[in-house]
Amino acid sequence: MVPIETGPYHAAAFGLSDLGTKGGLATDSHARVLDTGGNPIDGLYAAGNTMAAVSGTAYPGGGNPIGASMLFSHLAAKHMAQRPR
């Protein structure tokens, strides 16, 4: 382990659940949060139960939120890595 001496720093809290929600933040295919006009908010991402369900108003079964969490977290990380610093 070595100290991390330069920013920027980012933090995220993670919890695992197989229960989904039917509300949440609208996102695009990069997991960027959209404003009320449908435009991405720069630097703001959402995944899992903080984002609107990918299945809409249907609930296909237990585990669906886990898959969406993994996929949209991956998409967000890929998009963040491609952003200019």
N, C-alpha and C. Protein backbone atom coordinates (compact mmCIF):
# COMPACT_ATOMS: atom_id res chain seq x y z
N MET A 1 0.84 -1.16 0.00
CA MET A 1 0.00 0.00 0.00
C MET A 1 0.89 1.24 0.00
N VAL A 2 0.48 2.21 -0.82
CA VAL A 2 1.19 3.48 -0.88
C VAL A 2 0.16 4.60 -0.74
N PRO A 3 0.58 5.75 -0.23
CA PRO A 3 -0.38 6.86 -0.12
C PRO A 3 -0.78 7.39 -1.49
N ILE A 4 -2.01 7.81 -1.59
CA ILE A 4 -2.50 8.50 -2.78
C ILE A 4 -2.44 9.98 -2.47
N GLU A 5 -1.55 10.67 -3.16
CA GLU A 5 -1.28 12.05 -2.78
C GLU A 5 -1.91 13.10 -3.67
N THR A 6 -2.42 12.73 -4.84
CA THR A 6 -3.01 13.73 -5.73
C THR A 6 -4.43 13.35 -6.10
N GLY A 7 -5.26 14.36 -6.19
CA GLY A 7 -6.66 14.17 -6.57
C GLY A 7 -6.80 14.17 -8.06
N PRO A 8 -7.99 14.13 -8.61
CA PRO A 8 -9.24 14.24 -7.86
C PRO A 8 -9.59 12.94 -7.15
N TYR A 9 -10.34 13.07 -6.06
CA TYR A 9 -10.79 11.91 -5.31
C TYR A 9 -12.28 11.71 -5.53
N HIS A 10 -12.71 10.48 -5.53
CA HIS A 10 -14.11 10.15 -5.72
C HIS A 10 -14.49 9.08 -4.69
N ALA A 11 -15.74 9.08 -4.29
CA ALA A 11 -16.20 8.09 -3.32
C ALA A 11 -17.54 7.54 -3.77
N ALA A 12 -17.79 6.30 -3.39
CA ALA A 12 -19.07 5.66 -3.70
C ALA A 12 -19.39 4.67 -2.59
N ALA A 13 -20.66 4.56 -2.26
CA ALA A 13 -21.12 3.57 -1.30
C ALA A 13 -21.79 2.43 -2.07
N PHE A 14 -21.51 1.21 -1.68
CA PHE A 14 -22.08 0.07 -2.38
C PHE A 14 -22.82 -0.82 -1.39
N GLY A 15 -23.98 -1.28 -1.78
CA GLY A 15 -24.74 -2.24 -1.00
C GLY A 15 -25.38 -3.22 -1.98
N LEU A 16 -25.60 -4.43 -1.58
CA LEU A 16 -26.13 -5.44 -2.48
C LEU A 16 -27.55 -5.82 -2.06
N SER A 17 -28.46 -5.84 -3.02
CA SER A 17 -29.84 -6.20 -2.75
C SER A 17 -30.44 -6.81 -4.00
N ASP A 18 -31.34 -7.74 -3.83
CA ASP A 18 -32.03 -8.29 -5.00
C ASP A 18 -33.42 -7.67 -5.16
N LEU A 19 -33.73 -6.67 -4.36
CA LEU A 19 -35.01 -5.98 -4.46
C LEU A 19 -34.85 -4.72 -5.30
N GLY A 20 -35.78 -4.49 -6.20
CA GLY A 20 -35.69 -3.33 -7.08
C GLY A 20 -36.66 -2.24 -6.70
N THR A 21 -36.49 -1.10 -7.34
CA THR A 21 -37.38 0.03 -7.13
C THR A 21 -37.99 0.42 -8.47
N LYS A 22 -39.01 1.20 -8.45
CA LYS A 22 -39.64 1.66 -9.69
C LYS A 22 -39.54 3.16 -9.84
N GLY A 23 -38.69 3.78 -9.07
CA GLY A 23 -38.42 5.20 -9.21
C GLY A 23 -36.96 5.37 -9.55
N GLY A 24 -36.45 6.53 -9.35
CA GLY A 24 -35.02 6.74 -9.53
C GLY A 24 -34.69 7.71 -10.63
N LEU A 25 -33.41 7.95 -10.77
CA LEU A 25 -32.90 8.93 -11.72
C LEU A 25 -32.85 8.37 -13.14
N ALA A 26 -33.28 9.18 -14.09
CA ALA A 26 -33.20 8.77 -15.50
C ALA A 26 -31.74 8.84 -15.94
N THR A 27 -31.29 7.83 -16.67
CA THR A 27 -29.91 7.76 -17.13
C THR A 27 -29.86 7.46 -18.62
N ASP A 28 -28.68 7.72 -19.21
CA ASP A 28 -28.48 7.35 -20.61
C ASP A 28 -27.66 6.06 -20.67
N SER A 29 -27.20 5.69 -21.87
CA SER A 29 -26.49 4.43 -22.06
C SER A 29 -25.08 4.44 -21.47
N HIS A 30 -24.62 5.60 -20.98
CA HIS A 30 -23.33 5.69 -20.30
C HIS A 30 -23.52 5.78 -18.79
N ALA A 31 -24.75 5.64 -18.32
CA ALA A 31 -25.13 5.74 -16.91
C ALA A 31 -25.07 7.18 -16.39
N ARG A 32 -25.02 8.15 -17.30
CA ARG A 32 -25.04 9.56 -16.88
C ARG A 32 -26.47 9.94 -16.49
N VAL A 33 -26.61 10.67 -15.40
CA VAL A 33 -27.93 11.13 -14.96
C VAL A 33 -28.40 12.22 -15.93
N LEU A 34 -29.68 12.16 -16.29
CA LEU A 34 -30.27 13.14 -17.21
C LEU A 34 -31.07 14.17 -16.44
N ASP A 35 -31.01 15.42 -16.92
CA ASP A 35 -31.83 16.47 -16.31
C ASP A 35 -33.25 16.36 -16.84
N THR A 36 -34.14 17.27 -16.43
CA THR A 36 -35.54 17.20 -16.84
C THR A 36 -35.72 17.41 -18.34
N GLY A 37 -34.73 17.97 -19.01
CA GLY A 37 -34.78 18.14 -20.46
C GLY A 37 -34.20 16.96 -21.22
N GLY A 38 -33.72 15.93 -20.49
CA GLY A 38 -33.15 14.76 -21.14
C GLY A 38 -31.67 14.91 -21.49
N ASN A 39 -31.03 15.94 -20.96
CA ASN A 39 -29.61 16.17 -21.23
C ASN A 39 -28.76 15.62 -20.09
N PRO A 40 -27.59 15.02 -20.41
CA PRO A 40 -26.73 14.48 -19.35
C PRO A 40 -26.18 15.59 -18.45
N ILE A 41 -26.13 15.31 -17.15
CA ILE A 41 -25.53 16.22 -16.19
C ILE A 41 -24.06 15.84 -16.08
N ASP A 42 -23.18 16.76 -16.43
CA ASP A 42 -21.75 16.46 -16.49
C ASP A 42 -21.21 15.94 -15.15
N GLY A 43 -20.58 14.78 -15.20
CA GLY A 43 -19.93 14.21 -14.03
C GLY A 43 -20.84 13.49 -13.05
N LEU A 44 -22.14 13.37 -13.35
CA LEU A 44 -23.07 12.71 -12.42
C LEU A 44 -23.56 11.41 -13.04
N TYR A 45 -23.31 10.31 -12.35
CA TYR A 45 -23.67 8.98 -12.83
C TYR A 45 -24.55 8.28 -11.80
N ALA A 46 -25.34 7.30 -12.25
CA ALA A 46 -26.16 6.52 -11.33
C ALA A 46 -26.22 5.08 -11.82
N ALA A 47 -26.33 4.17 -10.88
CA ALA A 47 -26.47 2.74 -11.20
C ALA A 47 -27.28 2.08 -10.09
N GLY A 48 -27.80 0.91 -10.39
CA GLY A 48 -28.54 0.15 -9.38
C GLY A 48 -29.84 0.81 -9.00
N ASN A 49 -30.18 0.75 -7.72
CA ASN A 49 -31.46 1.26 -7.25
C ASN A 49 -31.53 2.77 -7.17
N THR A 50 -30.45 3.48 -7.46
CA THR A 50 -30.53 4.94 -7.52
C THR A 50 -31.00 5.42 -8.88
N MET A 51 -30.93 4.54 -9.89
CA MET A 51 -31.39 4.90 -11.23
C MET A 51 -32.77 4.29 -11.48
N ALA A 52 -33.49 4.83 -12.46
CA ALA A 52 -34.77 4.27 -12.85
C ALA A 52 -34.55 2.84 -13.33
N ALA A 53 -35.47 1.96 -13.03
CA ALA A 53 -35.33 0.55 -13.38
C ALA A 53 -35.23 0.35 -14.89
N VAL A 54 -34.28 -0.46 -15.31
CA VAL A 54 -34.12 -0.75 -16.74
C VAL A 54 -35.29 -1.55 -17.27
N SER A 55 -36.03 -2.21 -16.39
CA SER A 55 -37.18 -3.01 -16.82
C SER A 55 -38.48 -2.21 -16.82
N GLY A 56 -38.38 -0.90 -16.61
CA GLY A 56 -39.59 -0.07 -16.60
C GLY A 56 -40.46 -0.40 -15.40
N THR A 57 -41.75 -0.58 -15.64
CA THR A 57 -42.67 -0.87 -14.53
C THR A 57 -42.80 -2.36 -14.26
N ALA A 58 -42.17 -3.20 -15.07
CA ALA A 58 -42.22 -4.65 -14.85
C ALA A 58 -41.12 -5.07 -13.88
N TYR A 59 -41.34 -6.18 -13.20
CA TYR A 59 -40.30 -6.75 -12.34
C TYR A 59 -40.10 -8.19 -12.75
N PRO A 60 -39.06 -8.46 -13.56
CA PRO A 60 -38.87 -9.80 -14.10
C PRO A 60 -38.45 -10.84 -13.07
N GLY A 61 -38.00 -10.43 -11.90
CA GLY A 61 -37.65 -11.40 -10.87
C GLY A 61 -36.44 -10.98 -10.09
N GLY A 62 -36.20 -11.70 -9.01
CA GLY A 62 -35.06 -11.42 -8.16
C GLY A 62 -33.74 -11.47 -8.92
N GLY A 63 -32.85 -10.57 -8.60
CA GLY A 63 -31.55 -10.52 -9.25
C GLY A 63 -31.44 -9.49 -10.34
N ASN A 64 -32.56 -9.05 -10.89
CA ASN A 64 -32.53 -8.05 -11.97
C ASN A 64 -31.78 -6.78 -11.54
N PRO A 65 -32.02 -6.24 -10.34
CA PRO A 65 -31.27 -5.04 -9.93
C PRO A 65 -29.77 -5.29 -9.79
N ILE A 66 -29.37 -6.51 -9.43
CA ILE A 66 -27.94 -6.81 -9.30
C ILE A 66 -27.28 -6.73 -10.67
N GLY A 67 -27.92 -7.31 -11.68
CA GLY A 67 -27.37 -7.24 -13.04
C GLY A 67 -27.29 -5.80 -13.54
N ALA A 68 -28.34 -5.03 -13.31
CA ALA A 68 -28.35 -3.63 -13.75
C ALA A 68 -27.28 -2.83 -13.00
N SER A 69 -27.09 -3.12 -11.72
CA SER A 69 -26.05 -2.43 -10.94
C SER A 69 -24.68 -2.70 -11.51
N MET A 70 -24.41 -3.97 -11.81
CA MET A 70 -23.10 -4.34 -12.35
C MET A 70 -22.88 -3.73 -13.72
N LEU A 71 -23.88 -3.83 -14.59
CA LEU A 71 -23.74 -3.32 -15.95
C LEU A 71 -23.56 -1.80 -15.98
N PHE A 72 -24.44 -1.07 -15.30
CA PHE A 72 -24.37 0.38 -15.38
C PHE A 72 -23.18 0.94 -14.59
N SER A 73 -22.71 0.25 -13.56
CA SER A 73 -21.47 0.66 -12.90
C SER A 73 -20.30 0.52 -13.85
N HIS A 74 -20.29 -0.58 -14.60
CA HIS A 74 -19.23 -0.81 -15.60
C HIS A 74 -19.28 0.25 -16.70
N LEU A 75 -20.48 0.54 -17.21
CA LEU A 75 -20.61 1.56 -18.25
C LEU A 75 -20.18 2.94 -17.75
N ALA A 76 -20.54 3.26 -16.51
CA ALA A 76 -20.13 4.56 -15.94
C ALA A 76 -18.62 4.63 -15.81
N ALA A 77 -18.00 3.58 -15.30
CA ALA A 77 -16.54 3.58 -15.14
C ALA A 77 -15.83 3.70 -16.48
N LYS A 78 -16.33 3.00 -17.50
CA LYS A 78 -15.72 3.12 -18.83
C LYS A 78 -15.84 4.54 -19.36
N HIS A 79 -17.00 5.16 -19.17
CA HIS A 79 -17.20 6.52 -19.66
C HIS A 79 -16.32 7.51 -18.90
N MET A 80 -16.22 7.34 -17.59
CA MET A 80 -15.36 8.22 -16.78
C MET A 80 -13.90 8.10 -17.21
N ALA A 81 -13.47 6.89 -17.53
CA ALA A 81 -12.07 6.68 -17.91
C ALA A 81 -11.74 7.35 -19.23
N GLN A 82 -12.74 7.56 -20.09
CA GLN A 82 -12.52 8.18 -21.39
C GLN A 82 -12.62 9.70 -21.35
N ARG A 83 -13.07 10.25 -20.24
CA ARG A 83 -13.22 11.70 -20.13
C ARG A 83 -11.86 12.36 -20.04
N PRO A 84 -11.72 13.55 -20.65
CA PRO A 84 -10.44 14.27 -20.51
C PRO A 84 -10.24 14.70 -19.07
N ARG A 85 -9.00 14.72 -18.66
CA ARG A 85 -8.68 15.10 -17.26
C ARG A 85 -8.36 16.55 -17.17
